[in-house]
Amino acid sequence: MPMSGEAIRPQAGDALIVTDVQNDFLPGGSLAVPRGDEVVPVLNRYIAVFRRPALSIVATRDWHPPDHCSFKAQGGPWPPHCIAGSDGARFAPLIDVPGGCRIVSKATARDKEAYSSFEGTDLDAWLKGTGITRLFIGGLATDYCVLNSVRDALRLGYATFVLRDAVRAVDVNAGDGERAAEEMRRLGAREIEFSEIAS
């Protein structure tokens, strides 16, 4: 992994993970992340960088059944959100998800939560089969799906960058987002912003 302060040039073996940029997590959605819409234009800049040399881009999404265990009616903490096939589960209309982008659906079983993009999916197998060793992870939300995806990415051996300017937190409890950022740094992830990407 490059040293802090050194420009980072996306290259073969890198993948961009766009985490859960779905309508229900944006302002007006059923589980809106405060200022969640702010990640969209920033992620589009990262997407453009990865598209130019045709590097791997993955878009993940919650894709819940209507009676998912995370919903309050089933005893979970959240309002119904990102129900498979619904408008709320669609990617944000302004996010530039490329055609042919790898789409990973998670938390698809009614009785199992899955905040991590790796849990219950083939993402790790696909990345390793594609020769990916470094991940650039942004999206929603810092303190849930981004945090858990970064935890698993590091555990699975990927060098992991968190796109600090392209994540936002739910902050159910004040400071959750910053605590999540601290944990990701402690585990070995490196936080970067778009200005650190070599053009």
Protein backbone atom coordinates (compact mmCIF):
# COMPACT_ATOMS: atom_id res chain seq x y z
CA MET A 1 0.00 0.00 0.00
CA PRO A 2 1.39 3.45 -0.86
CA MET A 3 2.73 5.56 1.98
CA SER A 4 0.57 8.40 3.28
CA GLY A 5 1.02 11.48 1.12
CA GLU A 6 2.01 9.47 -1.97
CA ALA A 7 -0.38 9.72 -4.93
CA ILE A 8 -2.38 6.57 -5.54
CA ARG A 9 -2.74 5.31 -9.09
CA PRO A 10 -5.52 2.77 -9.66
CA GLN A 11 -4.09 -0.15 -11.58
CA ALA A 12 -4.64 -3.76 -12.55
CA GLY A 13 -5.61 -5.70 -9.45
CA ASP A 14 -7.73 -2.86 -8.04
CA ALA A 15 -11.51 -2.73 -7.65
CA LEU A 16 -13.88 0.07 -6.71
CA ILE A 17 -16.72 -1.01 -4.40
CA VAL A 18 -19.75 1.32 -4.53
CA THR A 19 -21.71 0.37 -1.41
CA ASP A 20 -25.51 0.59 -1.27
CA VAL A 21 -26.13 3.93 -3.00
CA GLN A 22 -29.86 3.21 -3.14
CA ASN A 23 -32.90 5.46 -3.08
CA ASP A 24 -34.07 4.39 0.37
CA PHE A 25 -30.76 5.55 1.86
CA LEU A 26 -30.94 9.00 0.25
CA PRO A 27 -32.89 12.04 1.53
CA GLY A 28 -36.60 11.24 1.29
CA GLY A 29 -35.99 7.50 1.48
CA SER A 30 -37.39 5.24 4.17
CA LEU A 31 -33.99 4.91 5.91
CA ALA A 32 -32.30 8.11 4.80
CA VAL A 33 -28.64 8.63 5.67
CA PRO A 34 -28.09 12.30 6.56
CA ARG A 35 -26.46 14.00 3.54
CA GLY A 36 -26.28 10.60 1.84
CA ASP A 37 -26.85 12.23 -1.54
CA GLU A 38 -23.50 14.01 -1.19
CA VAL A 39 -21.62 10.81 -1.97
CA VAL A 40 -23.11 10.51 -5.46
CA PRO A 41 -21.08 13.15 -7.37
CA VAL A 42 -17.90 12.17 -5.53
CA LEU A 43 -18.35 8.48 -6.30
CA ASN A 44 -19.01 9.37 -9.93
CA ARG A 45 -15.53 10.92 -10.06
CA TYR A 46 -13.98 7.72 -8.71
CA ILE A 47 -16.07 5.68 -11.15
CA ALA A 48 -14.76 7.78 -14.05
CA VAL A 49 -11.16 7.09 -12.97
CA PHE A 50 -11.76 3.35 -12.79
CA ARG A 51 -13.64 3.25 -16.11
CA ARG A 52 -10.84 4.80 -18.16
CA PRO A 53 -8.46 1.81 -17.86
CA ALA A 54 -11.44 -0.58 -17.55
CA LEU A 55 -10.71 -1.58 -13.96
CA SER A 56 -13.22 -3.56 -11.93
CA ILE A 57 -16.22 -1.74 -10.47
CA VAL A 58 -18.68 -3.44 -8.12
CA ALA A 59 -22.00 -1.97 -6.99
CA THR A 60 -23.55 -3.59 -3.92
CA ARG A 61 -27.14 -3.30 -2.80
CA ASP A 62 -29.44 -4.36 0.00
CA TRP A 63 -32.05 -6.56 -1.66
CA HIS A 64 -34.43 -7.53 1.12
CA PRO A 65 -37.55 -9.67 1.16
CA PRO A 66 -40.64 -7.77 2.41
CA ASP A 67 -40.49 -9.51 5.81
CA HIS A 68 -36.76 -9.19 6.41
CA CYS A 69 -35.59 -9.75 9.97
CA SER A 70 -34.02 -6.27 10.18
CA PHE A 71 -37.43 -4.58 9.83
CA LYS A 72 -39.24 -3.34 12.93
CA ALA A 73 -42.30 -5.50 12.25
CA GLN A 74 -40.07 -8.56 12.59
CA GLY A 75 -38.34 -7.23 15.70
CA GLY A 76 -35.42 -5.57 13.93
CA PRO A 77 -34.12 -2.01 14.35
CA TRP A 78 -35.00 -0.51 10.95
CA PRO A 79 -38.06 0.59 8.99
CA PRO A 80 -38.73 -1.44 5.83
CA HIS A 81 -36.15 -0.47 3.20
CA CYS A 82 -34.56 -1.68 -0.04
CA ILE A 83 -37.21 -4.33 -0.68
CA ALA A 84 -36.10 -6.32 -3.74
CA GLY A 85 -37.49 -4.85 -6.94
CA SER A 86 -38.92 -1.71 -5.31
CA ASP A 87 -38.13 1.86 -6.28
CA GLY A 88 -36.44 2.30 -2.91
CA ALA A 89 -34.02 -0.52 -3.72
CA ARG A 90 -32.96 0.98 -7.03
CA PHE A 91 -29.59 2.65 -7.33
CA ALA A 92 -29.68 6.44 -7.03
CA PRO A 93 -30.68 7.80 -10.44
CA LEU A 94 -27.60 10.04 -10.69
CA ILE A 95 -25.02 7.39 -9.76
CA ASP A 96 -23.10 6.44 -12.88
CA VAL A 97 -23.10 2.66 -12.47
CA PRO A 98 -21.49 1.42 -15.69
CA GLY A 99 -23.13 -1.16 -17.90
CA GLY A 100 -21.50 -4.48 -17.19
CA CYS A 101 -20.66 -3.43 -13.65
CA ARG A 102 -20.65 -6.35 -11.21
CA ILE A 103 -23.79 -6.07 -9.04
CA VAL A 104 -23.81 -7.82 -5.66
CA SER A 105 -27.13 -8.28 -3.84
CA LYS A 106 -26.96 -8.90 -0.10
CA ALA A 107 -29.25 -9.63 2.85
CA THR A 108 -31.58 -11.50 0.52
CA ALA A 109 -32.69 -14.14 3.07
CA ARG A 110 -35.51 -13.11 5.39
CA ASP A 111 -33.90 -14.54 8.53
CA LYS A 112 -30.35 -13.21 8.15
CA GLU A 113 -28.92 -9.69 8.33
CA ALA A 114 -25.85 -8.96 6.21
CA TYR A 115 -24.28 -5.52 6.54
CA SER A 116 -21.07 -6.66 4.85
CA SER A 117 -20.90 -6.87 1.06
CA PHE A 118 -19.08 -10.18 1.55
CA GLU A 119 -21.57 -11.90 3.85
CA GLY A 120 -23.63 -14.50 2.03
CA THR A 121 -22.39 -13.36 -1.40
CA ASP A 122 -19.83 -14.53 -3.94
CA LEU A 123 -17.93 -11.24 -3.83
CA ASP A 124 -14.70 -12.62 -2.31
CA ALA A 125 -14.58 -15.54 -4.75
CA TRP A 126 -15.24 -13.22 -7.69
CA LEU A 127 -12.60 -10.70 -6.64
CA LYS A 128 -9.97 -13.36 -6.05
CA GLY A 129 -10.89 -15.06 -9.33
CA THR A 130 -10.41 -11.73 -11.08
CA GLY A 131 -7.00 -11.17 -9.50
CA ILE A 132 -8.09 -8.27 -7.29
CA THR A 133 -5.84 -7.46 -4.32
CA ARG A 134 -6.72 -3.82 -3.51
CA LEU A 135 -10.17 -2.43 -2.76
CA PHE A 136 -11.40 1.17 -2.80
CA ILE A 137 -14.63 1.30 -0.78
CA GLY A 138 -17.16 4.14 -0.59
CA GLY A 139 -20.90 4.57 -0.21
CA LEU A 140 -23.48 4.16 2.53
CA ALA A 141 -23.39 4.00 5.40
CA THR A 142 -20.03 4.52 7.12
CA ASP A 143 -21.11 2.96 10.41
CA TYR A 144 -22.90 -0.10 9.02
CA CYS A 145 -22.37 -1.53 5.55
CA VAL A 146 -19.11 0.31 4.81
CA LEU A 147 -17.62 -0.58 8.20
CA ASN A 148 -18.59 -4.24 8.01
CA SER A 149 -17.43 -4.55 4.41
CA VAL A 150 -14.06 -3.02 5.31
CA ARG A 151 -13.70 -5.35 8.31
CA ASP A 152 -14.27 -8.36 6.07
CA ALA A 153 -12.06 -7.03 3.26
CA LEU A 154 -9.14 -6.68 5.66
CA ARG A 155 -9.81 -10.06 7.25
CA LEU A 156 -9.81 -11.63 3.79
CA GLY A 157 -6.43 -10.10 2.96
CA TYR A 158 -7.24 -7.15 0.70
CA ALA A 159 -5.33 -3.89 0.94
CA THR A 160 -8.23 -1.54 1.61
CA PHE A 161 -8.78 2.16 1.02
CA VAL A 162 -11.81 3.94 2.49
CA LEU A 163 -12.99 6.85 0.35
CA ARG A 164 -13.39 9.39 3.15
CA ASP A 165 -15.05 11.99 0.91
CA ALA A 166 -17.53 9.44 -0.47
CA VAL A 167 -19.04 7.94 2.70
CA ARG A 168 -21.69 9.24 5.11
CA ALA A 169 -22.91 7.84 8.43
CA VAL A 170 -26.36 7.10 9.83
CA ASP A 171 -25.17 8.19 13.30
CA VAL A 172 -28.04 6.53 15.18
CA ASN A 173 -25.90 7.39 18.18
CA ALA A 174 -23.95 10.63 17.89
CA GLY A 175 -20.38 9.90 16.84
CA ASP A 176 -21.03 6.43 15.38
CA GLY A 177 -19.55 7.48 12.06
CA GLU A 178 -16.32 8.75 13.58
CA ARG A 179 -16.03 5.67 15.78
CA ALA A 180 -16.45 3.52 12.66
CA ALA A 181 -13.72 5.51 10.89
CA GLU A 182 -11.41 5.06 13.85
CA GLU A 183 -12.00 1.32 13.88
CA MET A 184 -11.32 1.00 10.16
CA ARG A 185 -8.06 2.88 10.55
CA ARG A 186 -7.09 0.76 13.55
CA LEU A 187 -7.75 -2.43 11.59
CA GLY A 188 -5.42 -1.27 8.81
CA ALA A 189 -7.57 0.53 6.25
CA ARG A 190 -6.22 3.75 4.79
CA GLU A 191 -8.54 6.72 4.39
CA ILE A 192 -8.10 8.74 1.21
CA GLU A 193 -9.83 11.50 -0.70
CA PHE A 194 -10.16 12.04 -4.43
CA SER A 195 -7.36 14.61 -4.44
CA GLU A 196 -4.94 11.79 -3.55
CA ILE A 197 -5.76 9.80 -6.69
CA ALA A 198 -3.16 10.22 -9.43
CA SER A 199 -4.69 11.48 -12.66
